[in-house]
Amino acid sequence: MLVKIFYIVGSLFLTVALLGSAGMGVWTYSLNNQLEQSQADYQALKSDYNKLDSRYSQAKADYASKSDKAQADLEDAQAQIKRLESNLEQAQTENKALKDKISAIQSKVAVLNDFWFTSDSVFASQVDSSNDEQLKKLYKGVNEFQSWEAFVELMSYLIQSISDTSGVSRQPAGIVSAVTVGQEG
């Protein structure tokens, strides 16, 4: 009987061992399939990662290139703005100088206009209101001396100062003597 028990226990043990071995085989097969699937998924993810990394590197290089270009463009624009501001300041200075010249010319032309087309009192007040000390001095000389030379000197000064202010420069040499000779002869 002991032998029967031994066979029964042995059979049971062998059955459990065979069933355990079959279960281990199925489990190993399942794990192997999962491992192969995981490795395939890993390779696909690695491929996607490499593509994304390549795109990232390209985007980073493009960004750096565009950033450098934008920085260079910004520096060029800032330099151009400074040049334009300088040109604007220069133009404003020139514009003010031209306005001052025009104002000076207009005041002297107004004096001439008042001499030729208005009364002596209007002419006198125009001379007195001018900021030109030389003009006032010459007009005072005309009133004091009542001479043709003083008058010609006043008119020559007015015309010459208008010419000088406007940039048309002519030498007044001989104007007084030519007018004097013309009147005498």
Protein backbone atom coordinates (compact mmCIF):
# COMPACT_ATOMS: atom_id res chain seq x y z
CA MET A 1 0.00 0.00 0.00
CA LEU A 2 2.80 2.18 0.66
CA VAL A 3 3.88 1.74 -2.84
CA LYS A 4 0.44 2.78 -4.01
CA ILE A 5 0.58 5.87 -1.89
CA PHE A 6 4.02 6.55 -3.22
CA TYR A 7 2.75 6.23 -6.81
CA ILE A 8 -0.26 8.37 -6.07
CA VAL A 9 1.81 11.07 -4.40
CA GLY A 10 4.39 10.78 -7.17
CA SER A 11 1.67 11.00 -9.83
CA LEU A 12 0.18 13.98 -8.11
CA PHE A 13 3.57 15.60 -7.80
CA LEU A 14 4.35 14.84 -11.44
CA THR A 15 0.95 16.19 -12.50
CA VAL A 16 1.48 19.36 -10.49
CA ALA A 17 5.00 19.66 -11.92
CA LEU A 18 3.74 19.14 -15.48
CA LEU A 19 0.88 21.58 -14.96
CA GLY A 20 3.29 24.08 -13.37
CA SER A 21 5.72 23.60 -16.24
CA ALA A 22 2.94 24.09 -18.81
CA GLY A 23 1.75 27.20 -16.93
CA MET A 24 5.30 28.54 -16.89
CA GLY A 25 5.61 27.90 -20.60
CA VAL A 26 2.38 29.76 -21.34
CA TRP A 27 3.43 32.58 -19.02
CA THR A 28 6.90 32.75 -20.65
CA TYR A 29 5.31 32.79 -24.10
CA SER A 30 2.98 35.61 -23.03
CA LEU A 31 5.86 37.59 -21.49
CA ASN A 32 7.94 37.05 -24.63
CA ASN A 33 5.09 38.42 -26.79
CA GLN A 34 4.71 41.39 -24.46
CA LEU A 35 8.48 41.98 -24.60
CA GLU A 36 8.49 41.88 -28.40
CA GLN A 37 5.51 44.29 -28.50
CA SER A 38 7.22 46.58 -25.99
CA GLN A 39 10.44 46.53 -28.02
CA ALA A 40 8.48 47.36 -31.20
CA ASP A 41 6.70 50.20 -29.37
CA TYR A 42 10.06 51.38 -28.00
CA GLN A 43 11.58 51.41 -31.51
CA ALA A 44 8.56 53.36 -32.84
CA LEU A 45 8.83 55.84 -29.96
CA LYS A 46 12.57 56.10 -30.47
CA SER A 47 12.00 56.81 -34.18
CA ASP A 48 9.39 59.46 -33.31
CA TYR A 49 11.75 60.93 -30.72
CA ASN A 50 14.57 61.12 -33.27
CA LYS A 51 12.25 62.85 -35.74
CA LEU A 52 11.09 65.31 -33.07
CA ASP A 53 14.66 65.89 -31.93
CA SER A 54 15.70 66.56 -35.53
CA ARG A 55 12.78 68.99 -35.96
CA TYR A 56 13.67 70.66 -32.66
CA SER A 57 17.29 71.07 -33.72
CA GLN A 58 16.19 72.52 -37.06
CA ALA A 59 13.68 74.84 -35.38
CA LYS A 60 16.33 75.94 -32.89
CA ALA A 61 18.79 76.67 -35.72
CA ASP A 62 16.07 78.54 -37.67
CA TYR A 63 15.17 80.53 -34.56
CA ALA A 64 18.80 81.43 -33.92
CA SER A 65 19.24 82.45 -37.56
CA LYS A 66 16.05 84.52 -37.60
CA SER A 67 16.91 86.02 -34.22
CA ASP A 68 20.36 87.04 -35.47
CA LYS A 69 18.83 88.50 -38.63
CA ALA A 70 16.17 90.34 -36.62
CA GLN A 71 18.84 91.70 -34.29
CA ALA A 72 20.91 92.88 -37.27
CA ASP A 73 17.81 94.43 -38.85
CA LEU A 74 16.98 96.12 -35.55
CA GLU A 75 20.49 97.55 -35.28
CA ASP A 76 20.30 98.76 -38.89
CA ALA A 77 16.91 100.34 -38.23
CA GLN A 78 18.21 102.04 -35.08
CA ALA A 79 21.21 103.38 -36.99
CA GLN A 80 18.91 104.61 -39.74
CA ILE A 81 16.64 106.26 -37.15
CA LYS A 82 19.65 108.05 -35.68
CA ARG A 83 20.70 109.21 -39.16
CA LEU A 84 17.17 110.37 -39.91
CA GLU A 85 16.93 112.17 -36.57
CA SER A 86 20.25 113.85 -37.32
CA ASN A 87 19.04 114.77 -40.81
CA LEU A 88 15.79 116.08 -39.32
CA GLU A 89 17.65 118.22 -36.80
CA GLN A 90 19.90 119.54 -39.57
CA ALA A 91 16.88 120.24 -41.78
CA GLN A 92 15.13 122.01 -38.90
CA THR A 93 18.24 124.10 -38.27
CA GLU A 94 18.47 124.94 -41.97
CA ASN A 95 14.74 125.69 -42.05
CA LYS A 96 15.09 128.07 -39.10
CA ALA A 97 18.07 129.76 -40.76
CA LEU A 98 16.05 130.14 -43.97
CA LYS A 99 13.09 131.53 -42.05
CA ASP A 100 15.42 134.00 -40.34
CA LYS A 101 16.86 135.02 -43.73
CA ILE A 102 13.39 135.40 -45.20
CA SER A 103 12.30 137.46 -42.22
CA ALA A 104 15.37 139.71 -42.54
CA ILE A 105 14.80 140.09 -46.30
CA GLN A 106 11.10 140.80 -45.78
CA SER A 107 11.84 143.50 -43.22
CA LYS A 108 14.32 145.20 -45.57
CA VAL A 109 11.99 144.85 -48.55
CA ALA A 110 9.24 146.37 -46.40
CA VAL A 111 11.55 149.34 -45.73
CA LEU A 112 12.20 149.72 -49.48
CA ASN A 113 8.51 149.33 -50.24
CA ASP A 114 7.61 151.98 -47.69
CA PHE A 115 10.22 154.32 -49.16
CA TRP A 116 8.89 154.02 -52.71
CA PHE A 117 5.16 153.58 -52.15
CA THR A 118 4.21 155.27 -48.85
CA SER A 119 4.82 158.48 -47.00
CA ASP A 120 8.02 159.63 -45.35
CA SER A 121 6.53 159.11 -41.89
CA VAL A 122 5.64 155.44 -42.64
CA PHE A 123 9.15 154.95 -44.05
CA ALA A 124 10.67 156.54 -40.93
CA SER A 125 8.60 154.37 -38.59
CA GLN A 126 9.55 151.24 -40.58
CA VAL A 127 13.26 152.12 -40.24
CA ASP A 128 12.84 152.82 -36.51
CA SER A 129 11.03 149.51 -35.93
CA SER A 130 13.74 147.51 -37.71
CA ASN A 131 16.40 145.71 -35.69
CA ASP A 132 19.13 146.90 -38.05
CA GLU A 133 21.38 149.45 -36.33
CA GLN A 134 23.35 150.19 -39.51
CA LEU A 135 20.11 151.02 -41.33
CA LYS A 136 19.07 153.35 -38.51
CA LYS A 137 22.49 155.04 -38.59
CA LEU A 138 22.37 155.56 -42.37
CA TYR A 139 18.80 156.91 -42.19
CA LYS A 140 19.87 159.32 -39.47
CA GLY A 141 22.71 160.43 -41.76
CA VAL A 142 20.25 161.05 -44.61
CA ASN A 143 18.07 163.18 -42.33
CA GLU A 144 21.06 165.11 -40.95
CA PHE A 145 23.00 165.78 -44.12
CA GLN A 146 20.20 165.80 -46.72
CA SER A 147 22.78 164.75 -49.32
CA TRP A 148 22.54 162.61 -52.39
CA GLU A 149 25.55 160.54 -51.26
CA ALA A 150 23.90 159.72 -47.90
CA PHE A 151 20.71 158.65 -49.73
CA VAL A 152 22.65 156.50 -52.21
CA GLU A 153 24.60 154.96 -49.33
CA LEU A 154 21.31 154.10 -47.55
CA MET A 155 19.78 152.55 -50.67
CA SER A 156 23.03 150.73 -51.52
CA TYR A 157 23.12 149.32 -47.99
CA LEU A 158 19.51 148.14 -48.19
CA ILE A 159 19.99 146.49 -51.58
CA GLN A 160 23.36 145.01 -50.62
CA SER A 161 22.05 143.64 -47.31
CA ILE A 162 19.09 142.04 -49.11
CA SER A 163 21.51 140.53 -51.64
CA ASP A 164 23.87 139.29 -48.93
CA THR A 165 21.07 137.80 -46.86
CA SER A 166 19.58 136.04 -49.86
CA GLY A 167 22.95 134.67 -50.92
CA VAL A 168 23.32 136.85 -54.00
CA SER A 169 26.55 138.65 -53.32
CA ARG A 170 27.67 141.47 -55.58
CA GLN A 171 30.28 144.05 -54.82
CA PRO A 172 28.77 147.51 -54.51
CA ALA A 173 31.96 149.14 -55.72
CA GLY A 174 31.31 152.14 -57.83
CA ILE A 175 27.59 152.48 -57.14
CA VAL A 176 27.95 155.74 -55.23
CA SER A 177 30.43 157.16 -57.70
CA ALA A 178 28.42 156.01 -60.72
CA VAL A 179 25.27 157.60 -59.38
CA THR A 180 27.19 160.72 -58.40
CA VAL A 181 28.82 160.98 -61.84
CA GLY A 182 25.47 160.34 -63.52
CA GLN A 183 23.86 163.16 -61.58
CA GLU A 184 26.69 165.61 -62.13
CA GLY A 185 27.17 164.88 -65.79
